[in-house]
Protein backbone atom coordinates (compact mmCIF):
# COMPACT_ATOMS: atom_id res chain seq x y z
CA MET A 1 60.67 123.57 98.30
CA ALA A 2 61.81 120.26 96.88
CA ASN A 3 59.81 117.12 97.60
CA ILE A 4 62.24 114.50 96.32
CA LYS A 5 64.83 113.21 98.78
CA SER A 6 67.78 113.62 96.39
CA ALA A 7 66.73 117.19 95.57
CA LYS A 8 66.60 118.03 99.28
CA LYS A 9 70.07 116.59 99.71
CA ARG A 10 71.39 118.64 96.76
CA ILE A 11 70.04 121.80 98.38
CA LEU A 12 71.92 121.02 101.60
CA VAL A 13 75.13 120.07 99.79
CA ASN A 14 75.02 123.19 97.63
CA LYS A 15 74.52 125.39 100.71
CA THR A 16 77.48 123.75 102.45
CA LYS A 17 79.72 124.25 99.42
CA ALA A 18 78.56 127.85 98.94
CA ASP A 19 79.33 128.66 102.59
CA ARG A 20 82.79 127.11 102.28
CA ASN A 21 83.55 128.99 99.08
CA LYS A 22 82.32 132.24 100.61
CA ALA A 23 84.58 131.79 103.65
CA ILE A 24 87.63 131.06 101.49
CA LYS A 25 86.96 134.04 99.20
CA SER A 26 86.51 136.28 102.22
CA GLY A 27 89.87 135.14 103.61
CA VAL A 28 91.57 135.87 100.29
CA LYS A 29 90.04 139.34 100.14
CA THR A 30 91.21 140.06 103.70
CA ALA A 31 94.75 138.93 102.84
CA ILE A 32 94.77 141.17 99.75
CA LYS A 33 93.56 144.14 101.83
CA LYS A 34 96.44 143.58 104.28
CA VAL A 35 98.95 143.75 101.42
CA THR A 36 97.29 146.88 100.05
CA ALA A 37 97.30 148.53 103.49
CA ALA A 38 101.02 147.79 103.91
CA ILE A 39 101.72 149.26 100.48
CA GLN A 40 99.73 152.41 101.35
CA ALA A 41 101.76 152.73 104.57
CA GLN A 42 105.01 152.33 102.57
CA ASP A 43 106.07 149.46 104.86
CA LYS A 44 108.17 147.17 102.67
CA ALA A 45 108.73 144.47 105.32
CA ALA A 46 105.05 144.23 106.25
CA ALA A 47 104.06 144.23 102.58
CA SER A 48 106.43 141.35 101.83
CA ALA A 49 105.14 139.33 104.79
CA ALA A 50 101.52 140.03 103.87
CA LEU A 51 102.27 139.16 100.24
CA LEU A 52 103.58 135.76 101.28
CA ALA A 53 100.42 135.05 103.30
CA ALA A 54 98.14 136.34 100.53
CA THR A 55 99.90 134.26 97.88
CA SER A 56 99.47 131.17 100.02
CA ALA A 57 95.76 131.90 100.58
CA ILE A 58 95.15 132.52 96.87
CA ASP A 59 96.98 129.36 95.82
CA LYS A 60 95.01 127.27 98.33
CA ALA A 61 91.76 128.76 97.03
CA ALA A 62 92.76 127.84 93.46
CA THR A 63 93.67 124.31 94.55
CA LYS A 64 90.25 123.88 96.18
CA GLY A 65 88.50 125.13 93.04
CA VAL A 66 87.20 128.38 94.49
CA TYR A 67 89.18 130.42 91.95
CA HIS A 68 90.20 129.42 88.44
CA LYS A 69 93.98 128.95 88.19
CA ASN A 70 94.34 131.88 85.78
CA THR A 71 92.37 134.16 88.10
CA ALA A 72 94.55 133.14 91.03
CA SER A 73 97.69 133.68 88.96
CA ARG A 74 96.48 137.13 87.92
CA LYS A 75 95.76 138.14 91.52
CA VAL A 76 99.20 136.97 92.69
CA SER A 77 100.90 138.70 89.78
CA ARG A 78 99.19 142.03 90.46
CA LEU A 79 100.08 141.88 94.16
CA ASN A 80 103.71 141.04 93.35
CA GLN A 81 103.86 143.92 90.87
CA ALA A 82 102.44 146.36 93.41
CA VAL A 83 104.92 145.31 96.13
CA ASN A 84 107.86 145.42 93.72
CA LYS A 85 106.82 148.87 92.48
CA MET A 86 107.14 150.40 95.95
CA ALA A 87 110.85 149.46 96.22
């Protein structure tokens, strides 16, 4: 365990940031699973609605620095491609 005050603070700050990032990533994964489930069920309307929510969640995660912008773009692109393919 750290003895220096600033090191103790860094441990707390890093834990807070890690928890926040974990929560955001978990939300993105859940949104992606909803899109995938709608695609599996061949429900075009639900897939489109879920895609909109997932895209928003991914973009917010990229804005907050949880995902790199290229990673976020790739995830959105793959979801769009999957929804468009079922048409």
